[in-house]
């Protein structure tokens, strides 16, 4: 990952020209935040035994992307409490790992209609959050609400984001049970 300080310097000048608005920006992760993967892990030993980066390799080279999407995403319902609060033209799904896989998953459950960014590593979500505000929505919201099942990077960088964007960052831990039940939401920062 490029040095975050260097990346932010490039955004500093642009940020100074943005107006502050009395609006809330919602940013949500996808996997295990909007869509629970528990069922996939329960029914597939291949997926259960090959987590993280190996997961992508297994899906793309063994199961095949189309088979994976058809079995696990097409016609699947998702909990609506987070997504119903998001605005298509403003809020963001910020997800990690393999672009092609995330694109296919979001399209299969019709979440591709929302603004979304796929990063190759979760730690890059910090820069992309700031970059999205500065280069995509072109204003500083009074608050950014983050929904995440693994919020460590946002917790570690909360002060940096708040100081850089002159905004409040609220971090909500999402604990999914399944895709039929609304997740447990707990404000942690």
N, C-alpha and C. Protein backbone atom coordinates (compact mmCIF):
# COMPACT_ATOMS: atom_id res chain seq x y z
N UNK A 1 0.84 -1.19 0.00
CA UNK A 1 0.00 0.00 0.00
C UNK A 1 0.88 1.24 0.00
N UNK A 2 0.49 2.20 -0.80
CA UNK A 2 1.21 3.46 -0.81
C UNK A 2 1.10 4.12 0.56
N UNK A 3 2.04 4.94 0.86
CA UNK A 3 2.02 5.67 2.12
C UNK A 3 0.77 6.55 2.17
N UNK A 4 -0.05 6.35 3.21
CA UNK A 4 -1.30 7.07 3.34
C UNK A 4 -1.07 8.58 3.43
N UNK A 5 -0.04 8.99 4.11
CA UNK A 5 0.26 10.41 4.25
C UNK A 5 0.49 11.06 2.89
N UNK A 6 1.25 10.37 2.04
CA UNK A 6 1.51 10.89 0.69
C UNK A 6 0.22 10.96 -0.13
N UNK A 7 -0.62 9.94 -0.02
CA UNK A 7 -1.88 9.93 -0.75
C UNK A 7 -2.78 11.08 -0.30
N UNK A 8 -2.81 11.33 1.01
CA UNK A 8 -3.67 12.38 1.54
C UNK A 8 -3.19 13.76 1.14
N UNK A 9 -1.89 13.93 1.00
CA UNK A 9 -1.36 15.22 0.55
C UNK A 9 -1.93 15.60 -0.82
N UNK A 10 -2.09 14.59 -1.65
CA UNK A 10 -2.64 14.83 -2.99
C UNK A 10 -4.10 15.29 -2.93
N UNK A 11 -4.81 14.92 -1.87
CA UNK A 11 -6.22 15.30 -1.73
C UNK A 11 -6.42 16.59 -0.94
N UNK A 12 -5.40 17.02 -0.25
CA UNK A 12 -5.50 18.17 0.66
C UNK A 12 -6.03 19.43 -0.04
N UNK A 13 -5.46 19.76 -1.17
CA UNK A 13 -5.86 20.98 -1.88
C UNK A 13 -7.32 20.90 -2.33
N UNK A 14 -7.70 19.75 -2.85
CA UNK A 14 -9.09 19.57 -3.30
C UNK A 14 -10.06 19.66 -2.12
N UNK A 15 -9.68 19.09 -1.00
CA UNK A 15 -10.53 19.09 0.18
C UNK A 15 -10.83 20.50 0.65
N UNK A 16 -9.85 21.36 0.58
CA UNK A 16 -10.01 22.73 1.07
C UNK A 16 -11.05 23.53 0.29
N UNK A 17 -11.41 23.08 -0.89
CA UNK A 17 -12.41 23.77 -1.70
C UNK A 17 -13.83 23.22 -1.54
N UNK A 18 -13.99 22.23 -0.68
CA UNK A 18 -15.31 21.62 -0.52
C UNK A 18 -16.13 22.33 0.54
N UNK A 19 -17.45 22.40 0.29
CA UNK A 19 -18.33 22.98 1.30
C UNK A 19 -18.70 21.92 2.33
N UNK A 20 -19.01 22.37 3.52
CA UNK A 20 -19.49 21.50 4.59
C UNK A 20 -21.00 21.47 4.50
N UNK A 21 -21.60 20.26 4.55
CA UNK A 21 -23.06 20.14 4.46
C UNK A 21 -23.60 19.41 5.68
N UNK A 22 -24.81 19.74 6.03
CA UNK A 22 -25.49 19.12 7.17
C UNK A 22 -26.13 17.80 6.70
N UNK A 23 -25.28 16.89 6.21
CA UNK A 23 -25.74 15.61 5.69
C UNK A 23 -24.93 14.48 6.30
N UNK A 24 -25.50 13.30 6.26
CA UNK A 24 -24.82 12.10 6.75
C UNK A 24 -24.49 11.23 5.55
N UNK A 25 -23.26 10.75 5.49
CA UNK A 25 -22.81 9.82 4.46
C UNK A 25 -22.74 8.43 5.09
N UNK A 26 -23.33 7.45 4.42
CA UNK A 26 -23.28 6.08 4.90
C UNK A 26 -22.33 5.29 4.01
N UNK A 27 -21.43 4.57 4.67
CA UNK A 27 -20.51 3.68 3.96
C UNK A 27 -20.63 2.31 4.60
N UNK A 28 -20.91 1.30 3.78
CA UNK A 28 -21.09 -0.05 4.30
C UNK A 28 -20.20 -1.04 3.58
N UNK A 29 -19.66 -1.96 4.35
CA UNK A 29 -18.99 -3.12 3.77
C UNK A 29 -20.06 -4.00 3.13
N UNK A 30 -19.66 -4.99 2.38
CA UNK A 30 -20.62 -5.90 1.75
C UNK A 30 -20.64 -7.27 2.43
N UNK A 31 -19.54 -8.02 2.33
CA UNK A 31 -19.50 -9.39 2.86
C UNK A 31 -19.65 -9.38 4.38
N UNK A 32 -20.63 -10.13 4.85
CA UNK A 32 -20.92 -10.28 6.28
C UNK A 32 -21.32 -8.97 6.95
N UNK A 33 -21.72 -8.01 6.13
CA UNK A 33 -22.28 -6.74 6.63
C UNK A 33 -23.64 -6.51 5.98
N UNK A 34 -23.70 -6.62 4.65
CA UNK A 34 -24.98 -6.56 3.94
C UNK A 34 -25.44 -7.96 3.53
N UNK A 35 -24.50 -8.86 3.34
CA UNK A 35 -24.81 -10.22 2.90
C UNK A 35 -24.01 -11.21 3.73
N UNK A 36 -24.71 -12.13 4.37
CA UNK A 36 -24.07 -13.11 5.25
C UNK A 36 -23.56 -14.31 4.46
N UNK A 37 -22.31 -14.70 4.69
CA UNK A 37 -21.72 -15.84 4.00
C UNK A 37 -21.75 -17.12 4.83
N UNK A 38 -22.40 -17.09 5.96
CA UNK A 38 -22.44 -18.23 6.88
C UNK A 38 -22.93 -19.51 6.18
N UNK A 39 -24.00 -19.40 5.41
CA UNK A 39 -24.55 -20.56 4.72
C UNK A 39 -23.53 -21.17 3.75
N UNK A 40 -22.78 -20.33 3.05
CA UNK A 40 -21.77 -20.82 2.12
C UNK A 40 -20.73 -21.66 2.84
N UNK A 41 -20.31 -21.19 4.01
CA UNK A 41 -19.30 -21.90 4.78
C UNK A 41 -19.85 -23.21 5.37
N UNK A 42 -21.13 -23.20 5.70
CA UNK A 42 -21.73 -24.41 6.27
C UNK A 42 -21.89 -25.52 5.24
N UNK A 43 -22.24 -25.16 4.01
CA UNK A 43 -22.51 -26.20 3.02
C UNK A 43 -21.31 -26.57 2.14
N UNK A 44 -20.26 -25.78 2.16
CA UNK A 44 -19.11 -26.06 1.29
C UNK A 44 -17.81 -26.19 2.09
N UNK A 45 -17.32 -27.41 2.20
CA UNK A 45 -16.05 -27.61 2.90
C UNK A 45 -14.91 -26.95 2.11
N UNK A 46 -15.02 -26.92 0.79
CA UNK A 46 -14.00 -26.29 -0.04
C UNK A 46 -13.86 -24.81 0.30
N UNK A 47 -14.98 -24.11 0.47
CA UNK A 47 -14.93 -22.70 0.85
C UNK A 47 -14.48 -22.54 2.31
N UNK A 48 -14.98 -23.40 3.17
CA UNK A 48 -14.64 -23.33 4.59
C UNK A 48 -13.14 -23.53 4.82
N UNK A 49 -12.52 -24.39 4.04
CA UNK A 49 -11.11 -24.72 4.22
C UNK A 49 -10.16 -23.79 3.46
N UNK A 50 -10.71 -22.91 2.66
CA UNK A 50 -9.89 -21.99 1.85
C UNK A 50 -10.38 -20.56 2.04
N UNK A 51 -9.98 -19.95 3.10
CA UNK A 51 -10.47 -18.61 3.44
C UNK A 51 -9.51 -17.55 2.91
N UNK A 52 -9.97 -16.30 2.98
CA UNK A 52 -9.23 -15.11 2.59
C UNK A 52 -8.79 -15.16 1.14
N UNK A 53 -7.52 -14.99 0.84
CA UNK A 53 -7.11 -14.90 -0.57
C UNK A 53 -7.27 -16.24 -1.29
N UNK A 54 -7.13 -17.35 -0.56
CA UNK A 54 -7.35 -18.66 -1.18
C UNK A 54 -8.81 -18.82 -1.62
N UNK A 55 -9.71 -18.17 -0.90
CA UNK A 55 -11.14 -18.20 -1.23
C UNK A 55 -11.35 -17.76 -2.68
N UNK A 56 -10.72 -16.64 -3.06
CA UNK A 56 -10.85 -16.12 -4.43
C UNK A 56 -10.33 -17.12 -5.45
N UNK A 57 -9.18 -17.72 -5.17
CA UNK A 57 -8.58 -18.68 -6.10
C UNK A 57 -9.48 -19.89 -6.30
N UNK A 58 -10.06 -20.38 -5.22
CA UNK A 58 -10.96 -21.54 -5.30
C UNK A 58 -12.20 -21.19 -6.12
N UNK A 59 -12.77 -20.04 -5.87
CA UNK A 59 -13.97 -19.64 -6.60
C UNK A 59 -13.66 -19.47 -8.09
N UNK A 60 -12.58 -18.80 -8.40
CA UNK A 60 -12.28 -18.49 -9.79
C UNK A 60 -11.73 -19.69 -10.58
N UNK A 61 -11.01 -20.62 -9.91
CA UNK A 61 -10.32 -21.68 -10.63
C UNK A 61 -10.84 -23.10 -10.39
N UNK A 62 -11.66 -23.28 -9.36
CA UNK A 62 -12.16 -24.62 -9.06
C UNK A 62 -13.69 -24.67 -9.20
N UNK A 63 -14.36 -23.80 -8.44
CA UNK A 63 -15.83 -23.76 -8.47
C UNK A 63 -16.31 -23.06 -9.74
N UNK A 64 -15.60 -22.05 -10.17
CA UNK A 64 -15.90 -21.16 -11.27
C UNK A 64 -16.90 -20.10 -10.83
N UNK A 65 -16.63 -18.89 -11.23
CA UNK A 65 -17.38 -17.72 -10.80
C UNK A 65 -18.89 -17.86 -11.06
N UNK A 66 -19.25 -18.23 -12.27
CA UNK A 66 -20.68 -18.32 -12.61
C UNK A 66 -21.40 -19.35 -11.73
N UNK A 67 -20.77 -20.50 -11.50
CA UNK A 67 -21.38 -21.52 -10.63
C UNK A 67 -21.55 -20.99 -9.21
N UNK A 68 -20.54 -20.31 -8.71
CA UNK A 68 -20.57 -19.77 -7.35
C UNK A 68 -21.70 -18.74 -7.21
N UNK A 69 -21.78 -17.83 -8.15
CA UNK A 69 -22.81 -16.79 -8.11
C UNK A 69 -24.20 -17.41 -8.22
N UNK A 70 -24.38 -18.34 -9.15
CA UNK A 70 -25.69 -18.97 -9.32
C UNK A 70 -26.13 -19.72 -8.06
N UNK A 71 -25.21 -20.39 -7.41
CA UNK A 71 -25.57 -21.16 -6.23
C UNK A 71 -25.79 -20.30 -4.99
N UNK A 72 -24.97 -19.27 -4.81
CA UNK A 72 -24.98 -18.56 -3.54
C UNK A 72 -25.57 -17.15 -3.55
N UNK A 73 -25.82 -16.57 -4.74
CA UNK A 73 -26.27 -15.17 -4.77
C UNK A 73 -27.55 -14.93 -5.56
N UNK A 74 -27.73 -15.60 -6.69
CA UNK A 74 -28.92 -15.36 -7.51
C UNK A 74 -30.17 -15.69 -6.70
N UNK A 75 -31.12 -14.75 -6.70
CA UNK A 75 -32.41 -14.87 -6.02
C UNK A 75 -32.32 -14.90 -4.50
N UNK A 76 -31.16 -14.57 -3.95
CA UNK A 76 -31.03 -14.55 -2.49
C UNK A 76 -31.53 -13.22 -1.95
N UNK A 77 -32.23 -13.29 -0.84
CA UNK A 77 -32.69 -12.08 -0.16
C UNK A 77 -31.63 -11.67 0.85
N UNK A 78 -31.66 -10.39 1.17
CA UNK A 78 -30.73 -9.87 2.17
C UNK A 78 -31.50 -9.05 3.19
N UNK A 79 -30.93 -8.91 4.39
CA UNK A 79 -31.56 -8.00 5.37
C UNK A 79 -31.57 -6.59 4.79
N UNK A 80 -32.58 -5.82 5.13
CA UNK A 80 -32.77 -4.52 4.49
C UNK A 80 -32.48 -3.31 5.38
N UNK A 81 -32.23 -3.50 6.67
CA UNK A 81 -32.15 -2.31 7.53
C UNK A 81 -31.03 -1.35 7.14
N UNK A 82 -29.89 -1.83 6.76
CA UNK A 82 -28.78 -0.94 6.37
C UNK A 82 -29.03 -0.39 4.97
N UNK A 83 -29.29 -1.27 4.03
CA UNK A 83 -29.41 -0.84 2.63
C UNK A 83 -30.60 0.10 2.43
N UNK A 84 -31.67 -0.07 3.19
CA UNK A 84 -32.81 0.83 3.05
C UNK A 84 -32.50 2.25 3.53
N UNK A 85 -31.48 2.42 4.33
CA UNK A 85 -31.12 3.76 4.78
C UNK A 85 -30.12 4.44 3.83
N UNK A 86 -29.65 3.71 2.82
CA UNK A 86 -28.65 4.24 1.89
C UNK A 86 -29.31 4.89 0.68
N UNK A 87 -28.71 5.99 0.23
CA UNK A 87 -29.17 6.68 -0.97
C UNK A 87 -28.30 6.24 -2.15
N UNK A 88 -28.96 5.84 -3.22
CA UNK A 88 -28.26 5.31 -4.39
C UNK A 88 -27.26 6.31 -4.96
N UNK A 89 -27.60 7.54 -5.03
CA UNK A 89 -26.75 8.54 -5.68
C UNK A 89 -25.64 9.09 -4.79
N UNK A 90 -25.66 8.77 -3.47
CA UNK A 90 -24.68 9.37 -2.57
C UNK A 90 -23.88 8.36 -1.75
N UNK A 91 -24.55 7.45 -1.08
CA UNK A 91 -23.87 6.55 -0.15
C UNK A 91 -23.07 5.49 -0.88
N UNK A 92 -22.28 4.72 -0.13
CA UNK A 92 -21.26 3.88 -0.76
C UNK A 92 -21.18 2.50 -0.12
N UNK A 93 -21.06 1.49 -0.97
CA UNK A 93 -20.65 0.16 -0.52
C UNK A 93 -19.16 0.08 -0.80
N UNK A 94 -18.39 -0.15 0.25
CA UNK A 94 -16.93 -0.19 0.15
C UNK A 94 -16.49 -1.58 0.58
N UNK A 95 -16.09 -2.38 -0.38
CA UNK A 95 -15.81 -3.79 -0.13
C UNK A 95 -14.41 -4.16 -0.60
N UNK A 96 -13.96 -5.32 -0.15
CA UNK A 96 -12.58 -5.71 -0.44
C UNK A 96 -12.50 -7.06 -1.14
N UNK A 97 -11.39 -7.26 -1.76
CA UNK A 97 -10.88 -8.48 -2.38
C UNK A 97 -10.89 -8.39 -3.88
N UNK A 98 -11.42 -9.37 -4.55
CA UNK A 98 -11.27 -9.49 -6.00
C UNK A 98 -12.38 -8.73 -6.74
N UNK A 99 -12.00 -7.78 -7.58
CA UNK A 99 -12.96 -6.92 -8.28
C UNK A 99 -14.02 -7.71 -9.04
N UNK A 100 -13.61 -8.64 -9.86
CA UNK A 100 -14.54 -9.39 -10.70
C UNK A 100 -15.56 -10.16 -9.84
N UNK A 101 -15.09 -10.74 -8.77
CA UNK A 101 -15.97 -11.49 -7.87
C UNK A 101 -16.96 -10.57 -7.16
N UNK A 102 -16.47 -9.45 -6.64
CA UNK A 102 -17.35 -8.52 -5.93
C UNK A 102 -18.37 -7.90 -6.89
N UNK A 103 -17.93 -7.56 -8.10
CA UNK A 103 -18.85 -7.04 -9.11
C UNK A 103 -19.99 -8.02 -9.35
N UNK A 104 -19.65 -9.29 -9.53
CA UNK A 104 -20.66 -10.32 -9.83
C UNK A 104 -21.61 -10.51 -8.66
N UNK A 105 -21.10 -10.52 -7.43
CA UNK A 105 -21.95 -10.69 -6.25
C UNK A 105 -22.91 -9.52 -6.10
N UNK A 106 -22.41 -8.31 -6.23
CA UNK A 106 -23.27 -7.13 -6.09
C UNK A 106 -24.34 -7.09 -7.18
N UNK A 107 -23.97 -7.46 -8.39
CA UNK A 107 -24.93 -7.47 -9.49
C UNK A 107 -26.00 -8.54 -9.26
N UNK A 108 -25.59 -9.71 -8.77
CA UNK A 108 -26.53 -10.82 -8.59
C UNK A 108 -27.63 -10.50 -7.58
N UNK A 109 -27.33 -9.68 -6.59
CA UNK A 109 -28.37 -9.33 -5.60
C UNK A 109 -28.82 -7.87 -5.76
N UNK A 110 -28.54 -7.32 -6.92
CA UNK A 110 -29.01 -6.00 -7.33
C UNK A 110 -28.52 -4.86 -6.44
N UNK A 111 -27.33 -4.98 -5.91
CA UNK A 111 -26.74 -3.89 -5.15
C UNK A 111 -25.75 -3.08 -5.99
N UNK A 112 -25.52 -3.50 -7.22
CA UNK A 112 -24.64 -2.75 -8.12
C UNK A 112 -25.23 -1.39 -8.50
N UNK A 113 -26.50 -1.17 -8.18
CA UNK A 113 -27.12 0.13 -8.45
C UNK A 113 -26.63 1.20 -7.48
N UNK A 114 -26.00 0.79 -6.40
CA UNK A 114 -25.42 1.74 -5.44
C UNK A 114 -24.00 2.07 -5.86
N UNK A 115 -23.53 3.23 -5.44
CA UNK A 115 -22.12 3.52 -5.63
C UNK A 115 -21.33 2.46 -4.87
N UNK A 116 -20.32 1.92 -5.50
CA UNK A 116 -19.47 0.97 -4.78
C UNK A 116 -18.04 1.03 -5.29
N UNK A 117 -17.16 0.68 -4.37
CA UNK A 117 -15.72 0.62 -4.67
C UNK A 117 -15.22 -0.71 -4.12
N UNK A 118 -14.39 -1.38 -4.92
CA UNK A 118 -13.76 -2.62 -4.48
C UNK A 118 -12.26 -2.35 -4.34
N UNK A 119 -11.73 -2.63 -3.16
CA UNK A 119 -10.29 -2.51 -2.94
C UNK A 119 -9.71 -3.91 -2.82
N UNK A 120 -8.43 -4.06 -3.12
CA UNK A 120 -7.85 -5.40 -3.06
C UNK A 120 -7.45 -5.82 -1.64
N UNK A 121 -7.35 -4.87 -0.73
CA UNK A 121 -7.04 -5.17 0.67
C UNK A 121 -7.87 -4.25 1.56
N UNK A 122 -8.37 -4.80 2.65
CA UNK A 122 -9.27 -4.05 3.54
C UNK A 122 -8.64 -2.76 4.08
N UNK A 123 -7.35 -2.75 4.31
CA UNK A 123 -6.71 -1.53 4.86
C UNK A 123 -6.81 -0.34 3.92
N UNK A 124 -7.03 -0.58 2.65
CA UNK A 124 -7.15 0.50 1.67
C UNK A 124 -8.50 1.22 1.76
N UNK A 125 -9.41 0.69 2.56
CA UNK A 125 -10.71 1.33 2.72
C UNK A 125 -10.59 2.72 3.35
N UNK A 126 -9.57 2.95 4.13
CA UNK A 126 -9.40 4.26 4.79
C UNK A 126 -9.17 5.33 3.74
N UNK A 127 -8.18 5.13 2.88
CA UNK A 127 -7.91 6.11 1.83
C UNK A 127 -9.12 6.26 0.92
N UNK A 128 -9.76 5.16 0.53
CA UNK A 128 -10.89 5.23 -0.39
C UNK A 128 -12.07 5.97 0.22
N UNK A 129 -12.25 5.88 1.52
CA UNK A 129 -13.30 6.65 2.18
C UNK A 129 -13.04 8.14 2.00
N UNK A 130 -11.83 8.56 2.27
CA UNK A 130 -11.48 9.98 2.15
C UNK A 130 -11.52 10.42 0.69
N UNK A 131 -10.96 9.61 -0.19
CA UNK A 131 -10.95 9.94 -1.61
C UNK A 131 -12.38 10.06 -2.15
N UNK A 132 -13.26 9.18 -1.72
CA UNK A 132 -14.65 9.22 -2.18
C UNK A 132 -15.32 10.53 -1.80
N UNK A 133 -15.10 10.98 -0.58
CA UNK A 133 -15.68 12.24 -0.14
C UNK A 133 -15.14 13.39 -1.00
N UNK A 134 -13.84 13.43 -1.14
CA UNK A 134 -13.20 14.56 -1.83
C UNK A 134 -13.45 14.55 -3.34
N UNK A 135 -13.38 13.39 -3.96
CA UNK A 135 -13.45 13.35 -5.42
C UNK A 135 -14.78 12.89 -6.00
N UNK A 136 -15.65 12.32 -5.18
CA UNK A 136 -16.90 11.80 -5.73
C UNK A 136 -18.14 12.57 -5.27
N UNK A 137 -18.26 12.83 -3.97
CA UNK A 137 -19.47 13.54 -3.55
C UNK A 137 -19.24 15.05 -3.46
N UNK A 138 -18.02 15.49 -3.44
CA UNK A 138 -17.63 16.89 -3.55
C UNK A 138 -18.18 17.79 -2.44
N UNK A 139 -18.42 17.24 -1.27
CA UNK A 139 -18.75 18.04 -0.10
C UNK A 139 -18.33 17.26 1.15
N UNK A 140 -18.21 17.97 2.25
CA UNK A 140 -17.84 17.34 3.52
C UNK A 140 -19.14 17.11 4.32
N UNK A 141 -19.50 15.85 4.56
CA UNK A 141 -20.70 15.61 5.35
C UNK A 141 -20.46 15.90 6.83
N UNK A 142 -21.52 16.25 7.55
CA UNK A 142 -21.34 16.51 8.98
C UNK A 142 -20.96 15.23 9.72
N UNK A 143 -21.39 14.06 9.17
CA UNK A 143 -21.05 12.79 9.81
C UNK A 143 -20.95 11.71 8.74
N UNK A 144 -20.02 10.77 8.98
CA UNK A 144 -19.91 9.57 8.15
C UNK A 144 -20.20 8.40 9.07
N UNK A 145 -21.16 7.56 8.67
CA UNK A 145 -21.49 6.37 9.43
C UNK A 145 -20.95 5.16 8.67
N UNK A 146 -20.12 4.39 9.35
CA UNK A 146 -19.49 3.20 8.77
C UNK A 146 -20.16 1.96 9.34
N UNK A 147 -20.62 1.06 8.47
CA UNK A 147 -21.15 -0.24 8.88
C UNK A 147 -20.13 -1.29 8.46
N UNK A 148 -19.63 -2.05 9.41
CA UNK A 148 -18.56 -3.02 9.15
C UNK A 148 -18.66 -4.20 10.09
N UNK A 149 -18.36 -5.39 9.55
CA UNK A 149 -18.25 -6.56 10.42
C UNK A 149 -16.82 -6.70 10.98
N UNK A 150 -15.87 -6.07 10.33
CA UNK A 150 -14.48 -6.06 10.79
C UNK A 150 -13.97 -4.62 10.74
N UNK A 151 -14.31 -3.82 11.74
CA UNK A 151 -14.05 -2.37 11.69
C UNK A 151 -12.67 -1.93 12.18
N UNK A 152 -11.74 -2.84 12.36
CA UNK A 152 -10.45 -2.50 12.97
C UNK A 152 -9.74 -1.33 12.30
N UNK A 153 -9.68 -1.32 10.97
CA UNK A 153 -8.96 -0.24 10.28
C UNK A 153 -9.65 1.10 10.49
N UNK A 154 -10.96 1.10 10.54
CA UNK A 154 -11.67 2.36 10.78
C UNK A 154 -11.47 2.83 12.23
N UNK A 155 -11.46 1.90 13.15
CA UNK A 155 -11.21 2.27 14.55
C UNK A 155 -9.81 2.87 14.70
N UNK A 156 -8.82 2.21 14.12
CA UNK A 156 -7.43 2.68 14.18
C UNK A 156 -7.25 4.05 13.55
N UNK A 157 -8.03 4.35 12.53
CA UNK A 157 -7.85 5.58 11.75
C UNK A 157 -8.98 6.59 11.92
N UNK A 158 -9.78 6.40 12.95
CA UNK A 158 -10.93 7.29 13.19
C UNK A 158 -10.49 8.75 13.29
N UNK A 159 -9.52 9.03 14.12
CA UNK A 159 -9.05 10.40 14.32
C UNK A 159 -8.48 10.98 13.03
N UNK A 160 -7.73 10.20 12.29
CA UNK A 160 -7.15 10.66 11.03
C UNK A 160 -8.26 11.09 10.06
N UNK A 161 -9.29 10.26 9.91
CA UNK A 161 -10.40 10.58 8.99
C UNK A 161 -11.13 11.83 9.47
N UNK A 162 -11.43 11.88 10.77
CA UNK A 162 -12.16 13.03 11.31
C UNK A 162 -11.36 14.32 11.15
N UNK A 163 -10.07 14.27 11.46
CA UNK A 163 -9.24 15.47 11.34
C UNK A 163 -9.08 15.91 9.89
N UNK A 164 -8.88 14.97 9.00
CA UNK A 164 -8.66 15.32 7.61
C UNK A 164 -9.93 15.90 6.97
N UNK A 165 -11.07 15.30 7.28
CA UNK A 165 -12.32 15.73 6.64
C UNK A 165 -13.15 16.68 7.49
N UNK A 166 -12.69 17.04 8.66
CA UNK A 166 -13.44 17.93 9.56
C UNK A 166 -14.86 17.41 9.77
N UNK A 167 -14.96 16.15 10.08
CA UNK A 167 -16.27 15.52 10.23
C UNK A 167 -16.26 14.56 11.40
N UNK A 168 -17.42 14.04 11.74
CA UNK A 168 -17.55 13.04 12.79
C UNK A 168 -17.66 11.67 12.12
N UNK A 169 -16.96 10.69 12.67
CA UNK A 169 -17.02 9.33 12.15
C UNK A 169 -17.69 8.46 13.20
N UNK A 170 -18.76 7.79 12.80
CA UNK A 170 -19.45 6.86 13.69
C UNK A 170 -19.27 5.46 13.11
N UNK A 171 -18.79 4.54 13.93
CA UNK A 171 -18.50 3.19 13.46
C UNK A 171 -19.48 2.22 14.11
N UNK A 172 -20.20 1.48 13.26
CA UNK A 172 -21.20 0.52 13.71
C UNK A 172 -20.70 -0.89 13.39
N UNK A 173 -20.58 -1.71 14.44
CA UNK A 173 -20.22 -3.12 14.26
C UNK A 173 -21.46 -3.88 13.84
N UNK A 174 -21.34 -4.63 12.75
CA UNK A 174 -22.46 -5.41 12.22
C UNK A 174 -22.18 -6.89 12.50
N UNK A 175 -23.13 -7.53 13.16
CA UNK A 175 -23.02 -8.96 13.44
C UNK A 175 -24.20 -9.66 12.78
N UNK A 176 -23.92 -10.36 11.68
CA UNK A 176 -24.98 -11.03 10.93
C UNK A 176 -25.21 -12.44 11.47
N UNK A 177 -26.45 -12.83 11.47
CA UNK A 177 -26.86 -14.16 11.90
C UNK A 177 -27.09 -15.03 10.66
N UNK A 178 -27.82 -14.47 9.70
CA UNK A 178 -28.12 -15.10 8.42
C UNK A 178 -28.69 -14.01 7.51
N UNK A 179 -29.18 -14.40 6.36
CA UNK A 179 -29.73 -13.41 5.42
C UNK A 179 -31.24 -13.21 5.55
N UNK A 180 -31.86 -13.90 6.50
CA UNK A 180 -33.28 -13.71 6.74
C UNK A 180 -33.54 -12.82 7.95
N UNK A 181 -32.53 -12.60 8.77
CA UNK A 181 -32.67 -11.86 10.02
C UNK A 181 -31.88 -10.56 9.93
N UNK A 182 -32.48 -9.49 10.44
CA UNK A 182 -31.75 -8.22 10.47
C UNK A 182 -30.53 -8.38 11.37
N UNK A 183 -29.39 -7.85 10.99
CA UNK A 183 -28.18 -8.02 11.80
C UNK A 183 -28.24 -7.21 13.10
N UNK A 184 -27.41 -7.62 14.05
CA UNK A 184 -27.23 -6.85 15.26
C UNK A 184 -26.30 -5.69 14.94
N UNK A 185 -26.68 -4.49 15.32
CA UNK A 185 -25.89 -3.30 15.07
C UNK A 185 -25.48 -2.71 16.40
N UNK A 186 -24.18 -2.43 16.55
CA UNK A 186 -23.69 -1.90 17.82
C UNK A 186 -22.69 -0.77 17.53
N UNK A 187 -23.03 0.43 18.00
CA UNK A 187 -22.10 1.55 17.83
C UNK A 187 -20.88 1.29 18.72
N UNK A 188 -19.70 1.30 18.09
CA UNK A 188 -18.47 1.01 18.85
C UNK A 188 -17.50 2.18 18.88
N UNK A 189 -17.73 3.16 18.06
CA UNK A 189 -16.85 4.34 18.09
C UNK A 189 -17.59 5.52 17.45
